[in-house]
Amino acid sequence: MEEYPKRYGKVHANSVPNLPWRPVPIDRLKSKLELAAQYSEDIVTWGYREFCRPSIGPAAKAWYEQYLAYYRRLSF
């Protein structure tokens, strides 16, 4: 988080052209989802679609497999 203002200034990510997307580490994603689940019955996210396509490369495939493992451990 400290690097962002150094690179782009104190601006919202929506105003940064060509901002590179990167996957959130799976442990951080889990903590975000678990926090949201305390207040919501359904959670929708758009920010992870780039990483949920295992066909785009080894890093995306690994992230997708980590996410699936987490998802399978959840009880609905």
PDB file of N, CA and C in Angstrom:
ATOM      1  N   MET A   1       0.817  -1.189   0.000  1.00  0.00           N
ATOM      2  CA  MET A   1       0.000   0.000   0.000  1.00  0.00           C
ATOM      3  C   MET A   1       0.867   1.263   0.000  1.00  0.00           C
ATOM      4  N   GLU A   2       2.042   1.182   0.548  1.00  0.00           N
ATOM      5  CA  GLU A   2       2.909   2.352   0.584  1.00  0.00           C
ATOM      6  C   GLU A   2       3.422   2.709  -0.803  1.00  0.00           C
ATOM      7  N   GLU A   3       3.537   1.725  -1.668  1.00  0.00           N
ATOM      8  CA  GLU A   3       4.096   1.948  -2.999  1.00  0.00           C
ATOM      9  C   GLU A   3       3.127   2.689  -3.922  1.00  0.00           C
ATOM     10  N   TYR A   4       1.845   2.472  -3.746  1.00  0.00           N
ATOM     11  CA  TYR A   4       0.853   3.070  -4.641  1.00  0.00           C
ATOM     12  C   TYR A   4       0.980   4.592  -4.728  1.00  0.00           C
ATOM     13  N   PRO A   5       0.934   5.342  -3.601  1.00  0.00           N
ATOM     14  CA  PRO A   5       1.037   6.800  -3.731  1.00  0.00           C
ATOM     15  C   PRO A   5       2.385   7.265  -4.278  1.00  0.00           C
ATOM     16  N   LYS A   6       3.424   6.486  -4.057  1.00  0.00           N
ATOM     17  CA  LYS A   6       4.723   6.840  -4.628  1.00  0.00           C
ATOM     18  C   LYS A   6       4.685   6.758  -6.150  1.00  0.00           C
ATOM     19  N   ARG A   7       4.004   5.751  -6.669  1.00  0.00           N
ATOM     20  CA  ARG A   7       3.959   5.541  -8.121  1.00  0.00           C
ATOM     21  C   ARG A   7       2.912   6.400  -8.824  1.00  0.00           C
ATOM     22  N   TYR A   8       1.725   6.554  -8.188  1.00  0.00           N
ATOM     23  CA  TYR A   8       0.607   7.166  -8.883  1.00  0.00           C
ATOM     24  C   TYR A   8       0.096   8.452  -8.236  1.00  0.00           C
ATOM     25  N   GLY A   9       0.583   8.789  -7.054  1.00  0.00           N
ATOM     26  CA  GLY A   9       0.066   9.941  -6.338  1.00  0.00           C
ATOM     27  C   GLY A   9      -1.137   9.546  -5.509  1.00  0.00           C
ATOM     28  N   LYS A  10      -1.693  10.513  -4.822  1.00  0.00           N
ATOM     29  CA  LYS A  10      -2.852  10.251  -3.962  1.00  0.00           C
ATOM     30  C   LYS A  10      -4.131  10.409  -4.772  1.00  0.00           C
ATOM     31  N   VAL A  11      -4.359   9.440  -5.633  1.00  0.00           N
ATOM     32  CA  VAL A  11      -5.538   9.445  -6.493  1.00  0.00           C
ATOM     33  C   VAL A  11      -6.227   8.086  -6.415  1.00  0.00           C
ATOM     34  N   HIS A  12      -7.501   8.063  -6.765  1.00  0.00           N
ATOM     35  CA  HIS A  12      -8.248   6.809  -6.795  1.00  0.00           C
ATOM     36  C   HIS A  12      -7.779   5.970  -7.980  1.00  0.00           C
ATOM     37  N   ALA A  13      -7.791   4.677  -7.820  1.00  0.00           N
ATOM     38  CA  ALA A  13      -7.326   3.765  -8.866  1.00  0.00           C
ATOM     39  C   ALA A  13      -8.086   3.954 -10.175  1.00  0.00           C
ATOM     40  N   ASN A  14      -9.346   4.372 -10.129  1.00  0.00           N
ATOM     41  CA  ASN A  14     -10.120   4.576 -11.355  1.00  0.00           C
ATOM     42  C   ASN A  14      -9.543   5.675 -12.240  1.00  0.00           C
ATOM     43  N   SER A  15      -8.737   6.575 -11.648  1.00  0.00           N
ATOM     44  CA  SER A  15      -8.196   7.678 -12.443  1.00  0.00           C
ATOM     45  C   SER A  15      -6.791   7.397 -12.975  1.00  0.00           C
ATOM     46  N   VAL A  16      -6.250   6.218 -12.693  1.00  0.00           N
ATOM     47  CA  VAL A  16      -4.903   5.876 -13.150  1.00  0.00           C
ATOM     48  C   VAL A  16      -5.006   5.108 -14.463  1.00  0.00           C
ATOM     49  N   PRO A  17      -4.513   5.697 -15.562  1.00  0.00           N
ATOM     50  CA  PRO A  17      -4.577   4.964 -16.826  1.00  0.00           C
ATOM     51  C   PRO A  17      -3.605   3.788 -16.840  1.00  0.00           C
ATOM     52  N   ASN A  18      -4.029   2.697 -17.409  1.00  0.00           N
ATOM     53  CA  ASN A  18      -3.194   1.498 -17.577  1.00  0.00           C
ATOM     54  C   ASN A  18      -2.651   0.948 -16.255  1.00  0.00           C
ATOM     55  N   LEU A  19      -3.424   1.066 -15.203  1.00  0.00           N
ATOM     56  CA  LEU A  19      -3.025   0.516 -13.915  1.00  0.00           C
ATOM     57  C   LEU A  19      -2.944  -1.000 -14.032  1.00  0.00           C
ATOM     58  N   PRO A  20      -1.811  -1.598 -13.717  1.00  0.00           N
ATOM     59  CA  PRO A  20      -1.701  -3.055 -13.855  1.00  0.00           C
ATOM     60  C   PRO A  20      -2.496  -3.770 -12.756  1.00  0.00           C
ATOM     61  N   TRP A  21      -3.317  -4.723 -13.163  1.00  0.00           N
ATOM     62  CA  TRP A  21      -4.058  -5.533 -12.199  1.00  0.00           C
ATOM     63  C   TRP A  21      -3.168  -6.667 -11.741  1.00  0.00           C
ATOM     64  N   ARG A  22      -3.333  -7.040 -10.498  1.00  0.00           N
ATOM     65  CA  ARG A  22      -2.608  -8.185  -9.982  1.00  0.00           C
ATOM     66  C   ARG A  22      -3.526  -8.922  -9.014  1.00  0.00           C
ATOM     67  N   PRO A  23      -3.336 -10.213  -8.884  1.00  0.00           N
ATOM     68  CA  PRO A  23      -4.224 -10.959  -7.990  1.00  0.00           C
ATOM     69  C   PRO A  23      -3.951 -10.621  -6.533  1.00  0.00           C
ATOM     70  N   VAL A  24      -5.008 -10.592  -5.772  1.00  0.00           N
ATOM     71  CA  VAL A  24      -4.884 -10.447  -4.324  1.00  0.00           C
ATOM     72  C   VAL A  24      -4.433 -11.802  -3.792  1.00  0.00           C
ATOM     73  N   PRO A  25      -3.441 -11.836  -2.916  1.00  0.00           N
ATOM     74  CA  PRO A  25      -3.065 -13.135  -2.341  1.00  0.00           C
ATOM     75  C   PRO A  25      -4.294 -13.801  -1.724  1.00  0.00           C
ATOM     76  N   ILE A  26      -4.378 -15.108  -1.884  1.00  0.00           N
ATOM     77  CA  ILE A  26      -5.595 -15.833  -1.499  1.00  0.00           C
ATOM     78  C   ILE A  26      -5.932 -15.637  -0.017  1.00  0.00           C
ATOM     79  N   ASP A  27      -4.934 -15.522   0.855  1.00  0.00           N
ATOM     80  CA  ASP A  27      -5.236 -15.302   2.275  1.00  0.00           C
ATOM     81  C   ASP A  27      -5.902 -13.949   2.499  1.00  0.00           C
ATOM     82  N   ARG A  28      -5.497 -12.940   1.739  1.00  0.00           N
ATOM     83  CA  ARG A  28      -6.126 -11.615   1.848  1.00  0.00           C
ATOM     84  C   ARG A  28      -7.551 -11.669   1.307  1.00  0.00           C
ATOM     85  N   LEU A  29      -7.750 -12.359   0.199  1.00  0.00           N
ATOM     86  CA  LEU A  29      -9.093 -12.503  -0.343  1.00  0.00           C
ATOM     87  C   LEU A  29      -9.999 -13.220   0.651  1.00  0.00           C
ATOM     88  N   LYS A  30      -9.496 -14.288   1.270  1.00  0.00           N
ATOM     89  CA  LYS A  30     -10.303 -15.014   2.262  1.00  0.00           C
ATOM     90  C   LYS A  30     -10.715 -14.095   3.396  1.00  0.00           C
ATOM     91  N   SER A  31      -9.786 -13.277   3.892  1.00  0.00           N
ATOM     92  CA  SER A  31     -10.127 -12.391   5.004  1.00  0.00           C
ATOM     93  C   SER A  31     -11.162 -11.350   4.580  1.00  0.00           C
ATOM     94  N   LYS A  32     -11.067 -10.857   3.365  1.00  0.00           N
ATOM     95  CA  LYS A  32     -12.061  -9.901   2.866  1.00  0.00           C
ATOM     96  C   LYS A  32     -13.440 -10.557   2.747  1.00  0.00           C
ATOM     97  N   LEU A  33     -13.485 -11.758   2.187  1.00  0.00           N
ATOM     98  CA  LEU A  33     -14.759 -12.450   2.030  1.00  0.00           C
ATOM     99  C   LEU A  33     -15.368 -12.817   3.375  1.00  0.00           C
ATOM    100  N   GLU A  34     -14.535 -13.228   4.314  1.00  0.00           N
ATOM    101  CA  GLU A  34     -15.051 -13.596   5.636  1.00  0.00           C
ATOM    102  C   GLU A  34     -15.605 -12.382   6.369  1.00  0.00           C
ATOM    103  N   LEU A  35     -14.956 -11.234   6.217  1.00  0.00           N
ATOM    104  CA  LEU A  35     -15.486 -10.011   6.814  1.00  0.00           C
ATOM    105  C   LEU A  35     -16.818  -9.634   6.168  1.00  0.00           C
ATOM    106  N   ALA A  36     -16.876  -9.655   4.851  1.00  0.00           N
ATOM    107  CA  ALA A  36     -18.116  -9.316   4.151  1.00  0.00           C
ATOM    108  C   ALA A  36     -19.241 -10.278   4.521  1.00  0.00           C
ATOM    109  N   ALA A  37     -18.913 -11.539   4.732  1.00  0.00           N
ATOM    110  CA  ALA A  37     -19.930 -12.549   5.055  1.00  0.00           C
ATOM    111  C   ALA A  37     -20.591 -12.291   6.403  1.00  0.00           C
ATOM    112  N   GLN A  38     -19.921 -11.540   7.263  1.00  0.00           N
ATOM    113  CA  GLN A  38     -20.531 -11.209   8.556  1.00  0.00           C
ATOM    114  C   GLN A  38     -21.719 -10.266   8.388  1.00  0.00           C
ATOM    115  N   TYR A  39     -21.770  -9.562   7.271  1.00  0.00           N
ATOM    116  CA  TYR A  39     -22.790  -8.547   7.046  1.00  0.00           C
ATOM    117  C   TYR A  39     -23.654  -8.818   5.821  1.00  0.00           C
ATOM    118  N   SER A  40     -23.360  -9.883   5.089  1.00  0.00           N
ATOM    119  CA  SER A  40     -24.065 -10.139   3.831  1.00  0.00           C
ATOM    120  C   SER A  40     -24.388 -11.613   3.681  1.00  0.00           C
ATOM    121  N   GLU A  41     -25.472 -11.885   2.992  1.00  0.00           N
ATOM    122  CA  GLU A  41     -25.797 -13.261   2.666  1.00  0.00           C
ATOM    123  C   GLU A  41     -25.225 -13.653   1.314  1.00  0.00           C
ATOM    124  N   ASP A  42     -25.128 -12.689   0.418  1.00  0.00           N
ATOM    125  CA  ASP A  42     -24.593 -12.929  -0.918  1.00  0.00           C
ATOM    126  C   ASP A  42     -23.484 -11.919  -1.186  1.00  0.00           C
ATOM    127  N   ILE A  43     -22.410 -12.365  -1.817  1.00  0.00           N
ATOM    128  CA  ILE A  43     -21.281 -11.494  -2.129  1.00  0.00           C
ATOM    129  C   ILE A  43     -20.995 -11.595  -3.618  1.00  0.00           C
ATOM    130  N   VAL A  44     -20.871 -10.454  -4.252  1.00  0.00           N
ATOM    131  CA  VAL A  44     -20.549 -10.395  -5.677  1.00  0.00           C
ATOM    132  C   VAL A  44     -19.261  -9.599  -5.813  1.00  0.00           C
ATOM    133  N   THR A  45     -18.334 -10.108  -6.588  1.00  0.00           N
ATOM    134  CA  THR A  45     -17.097  -9.387  -6.828  1.00  0.00           C
ATOM    135  C   THR A  45     -16.811  -9.348  -8.314  1.00  0.00           C
ATOM    136  N   TRP A  46     -16.244  -8.282  -8.762  1.00  0.00           N
ATOM    137  CA  TRP A  46     -15.884  -8.174 -10.172  1.00  0.00           C
ATOM    138  C   TRP A  46     -14.379  -8.150 -10.351  1.00  0.00           C
ATOM    139  N   GLY A  47     -13.640  -7.856  -9.333  1.00  0.00           N
ATOM    140  CA  GLY A  47     -12.217  -7.593  -9.466  1.00  0.00           C
ATOM    141  C   GLY A  47     -11.329  -8.794  -9.680  1.00  0.00           C
ATOM    142  N   TYR A  48     -11.857  -9.982  -9.611  1.00  0.00           N
ATOM    143  CA  TYR A  48     -11.001 -11.155  -9.679  1.00  0.00           C
ATOM    144  C   TYR A  48     -11.192 -11.947 -10.970  1.00  0.00           C
ATOM    145  N   ARG A  49     -12.003 -11.457 -11.862  1.00  0.00           N
ATOM    146  CA  ARG A  49     -12.274 -12.227 -13.081  1.00  0.00           C
ATOM    147  C   ARG A  49     -11.023 -12.447 -13.910  1.00  0.00           C
ATOM    148  N   GLU A  50     -10.085 -11.492 -13.873  1.00  0.00           N
ATOM    149  CA  GLU A  50      -8.870 -11.641 -14.648  1.00  0.00           C
ATOM    150  C   GLU A  50      -8.027 -12.820 -14.159  1.00  0.00           C
ATOM    151  N   PHE A  51      -8.215 -13.201 -12.913  1.00  0.00           N
ATOM    152  CA  PHE A  51      -7.394 -14.245 -12.322  1.00  0.00           C
ATOM    153  C   PHE A  51      -8.137 -15.569 -12.198  1.00  0.00           C
ATOM    154  N   CYS A  52      -9.407 -15.555 -12.555  1.00  0.00           N
ATOM    155  CA  CYS A  52     -10.203 -16.779 -12.472  1.00  0.00           C
ATOM    156  C   CYS A  52     -10.287 -17.476 -13.814  1.00  0.00           C
ATOM    157  N   ARG A  53      -9.371 -17.160 -14.689  1.00  0.00           N
ATOM    158  CA  ARG A  53      -9.317 -17.835 -15.990  1.00  0.00           C
ATOM    159  C   ARG A  53      -8.003 -18.606 -16.057  1.00  0.00           C
ATOM    160  N   PRO A  54      -7.992 -19.863 -15.663  1.00  0.00           N
ATOM    161  CA  PRO A  54      -6.740 -20.623 -15.614  1.00  0.00           C
ATOM    162  C   PRO A  54      -6.059 -20.768 -16.966  1.00  0.00           C
ATOM    163  N   SER A  55      -6.795 -20.524 -18.032  1.00  0.00           N
ATOM    164  CA  SER A  55      -6.211 -20.696 -19.368  1.00  0.00           C
ATOM    165  C   SER A  55      -5.244 -19.575 -19.757  1.00  0.00           C
ATOM    166  N   ILE A  56      -5.189 -18.475 -18.993  1.00  0.00           N
ATOM    167  CA  ILE A  56      -4.333 -17.360 -19.425  1.00  0.00           C
ATOM    168  C   ILE A  56      -2.887 -17.485 -18.955  1.00  0.00           C
ATOM    169  N   GLY A  57      -2.580 -18.515 -18.161  1.00  0.00           N
ATOM    170  CA  GLY A  57      -1.187 -18.712 -17.784  1.00  0.00           C
ATOM    171  C   GLY A  57      -1.022 -19.423 -16.460  1.00  0.00           C
ATOM    172  N   PRO A  58       0.209 -19.816 -16.138  1.00  0.00           N
ATOM    173  CA  PRO A  58       0.469 -20.582 -14.927  1.00  0.00           C
ATOM    174  C   PRO A  58       0.097 -19.849 -13.636  1.00  0.00           C
ATOM    175  N   ALA A  59       0.371 -18.543 -13.562  1.00  0.00           N
ATOM    176  CA  ALA A  59       0.038 -17.797 -12.345  1.00  0.00           C
ATOM    177  C   ALA A  59      -1.469 -17.740 -12.138  1.00  0.00           C
ATOM    178  N   ALA A  60      -2.217 -17.499 -13.223  1.00  0.00           N
ATOM    179  CA  ALA A  60      -3.678 -17.459 -13.127  1.00  0.00           C
ATOM    180  C   ALA A  60      -4.225 -18.834 -12.753  1.00  0.00           C
ATOM    181  N   LYS A  61      -3.644 -19.876 -13.315  1.00  0.00           N
ATOM    182  CA  LYS A  61      -4.094 -21.233 -12.988  1.00  0.00           C
ATOM    183  C   LYS A  61      -3.859 -21.549 -11.517  1.00  0.00           C
ATOM    184  N   ALA A  62      -2.696 -21.186 -10.997  1.00  0.00           N
ATOM    185  CA  ALA A  62      -2.384 -21.438  -9.584  1.00  0.00           C
ATOM    186  C   ALA A  62      -3.351 -20.674  -8.680  1.00  0.00           C
ATOM    187  N   TRP A  63      -3.612 -19.396  -9.015  1.00  0.00           N
ATOM    188  CA  TRP A  63      -4.529 -18.597  -8.207  1.00  0.00           C
ATOM    189  C   TRP A  63      -5.927 -19.202  -8.236  1.00  0.00           C
ATOM    190  N   TYR A  64      -6.361 -19.603  -9.410  1.00  0.00           N
ATOM    191  CA  TYR A  64      -7.685 -20.210  -9.568  1.00  0.00           C
ATOM    192  C   TYR A  64      -7.793 -21.487  -8.739  1.00  0.00           C
ATOM    193  N   GLU A  65      -6.779 -22.302  -8.764  1.00  0.00           N
ATOM    194  CA  GLU A  65      -6.797 -23.549  -7.984  1.00  0.00           C
ATOM    195  C   GLU A  65      -6.824 -23.255  -6.486  1.00  0.00           C
ATOM    196  N   GLN A  66      -6.112 -22.217  -6.046  1.00  0.00           N
ATOM    197  CA  GLN A  66      -6.161 -21.827  -4.632  1.00  0.00           C
ATOM    198  C   GLN A  66      -7.565 -21.362  -4.260  1.00  0.00           C
ATOM    199  N   TYR A  67      -8.171 -20.581  -5.136  1.00  0.00           N
ATOM    200  CA  TYR A  67      -9.526 -20.106  -4.886  1.00  0.00           C
ATOM    201  C   TYR A  67     -10.507 -21.276  -4.831  1.00  0.00           C
ATOM    202  N   LEU A  68     -10.404 -22.204  -5.764  1.00  0.00           N
ATOM    203  CA  LEU A  68     -11.309 -23.364  -5.757  1.00  0.00           C
ATOM    204  C   LEU A  68     -11.152 -24.175  -4.481  1.00  0.00           C
ATOM    205  N   ALA A  69      -9.931 -24.365  -4.022  1.00  0.00           N
ATOM    206  CA  ALA A  69      -9.703 -25.106  -2.779  1.00  0.00           C
ATOM    207  C   ALA A  69     -10.382 -24.400  -1.611  1.00  0.00           C
ATOM    208  N   TYR A  70     -10.266 -23.079  -1.568  1.00  0.00           N
ATOM    209  CA  TYR A  70     -10.939 -22.305  -0.517  1.00  0.00           C
ATOM    210  C   TYR A  70     -12.454 -22.449  -0.645  1.00  0.00           C
ATOM    211  N   TYR A  71     -12.976 -22.283  -1.836  1.00  0.00           N
ATOM    212  CA  TYR A  71     -14.417 -22.359  -2.079  1.00  0.00           C
ATOM    213  C   TYR A  71     -14.979 -23.716  -1.658  1.00  0.00           C
ATOM    214  N   ARG A  72     -14.265 -24.772  -1.958  1.00  0.00           N
ATOM    215  CA  ARG A  72     -14.736 -26.131  -1.634  1.00  0.00           C
ATOM    216  C   ARG A  72     -14.783 -26.374  -0.124  1.00  0.00           C
ATOM    217  N   ARG A  73     -13.979 -25.644   0.644  1.00  0.00           N
ATOM    218  CA  ARG A  73     -13.994 -25.807   2.093  1.00  0.00           C
ATOM    219  C   ARG A  73     -15.181 -25.104   2.761  1.00  0.00           C
ATOM    220  N   LEU A  74     -15.819 -24.200   2.043  1.00  0.00           N
ATOM    221  CA  LEU A  74     -16.954 -23.478   2.598  1.00  0.00           C
ATOM    222  C   LEU A  74     -18.162 -24.395   2.676  1.00  0.00           C
ATOM    223  N   SER A  75     -18.962 -24.203   3.676  1.00  0.00           N
ATOM    224  CA  SER A  75     -20.201 -24.986   3.768  1.00  0.00           C
ATOM    225  C   SER A  75     -21.375 -24.044   3.553  1.00  0.00           C
ATOM    226  N   PHE A  76     -22.262 -24.413   2.645  1.00  0.00           N
ATOM    227  CA  PHE A  76     -23.409 -23.574   2.324  1.00  0.00           C
ATOM    228  C   PHE A  76     -24.665 -24.211   2.835  1.00  0.00           C
TER     229      PHE A  76
END
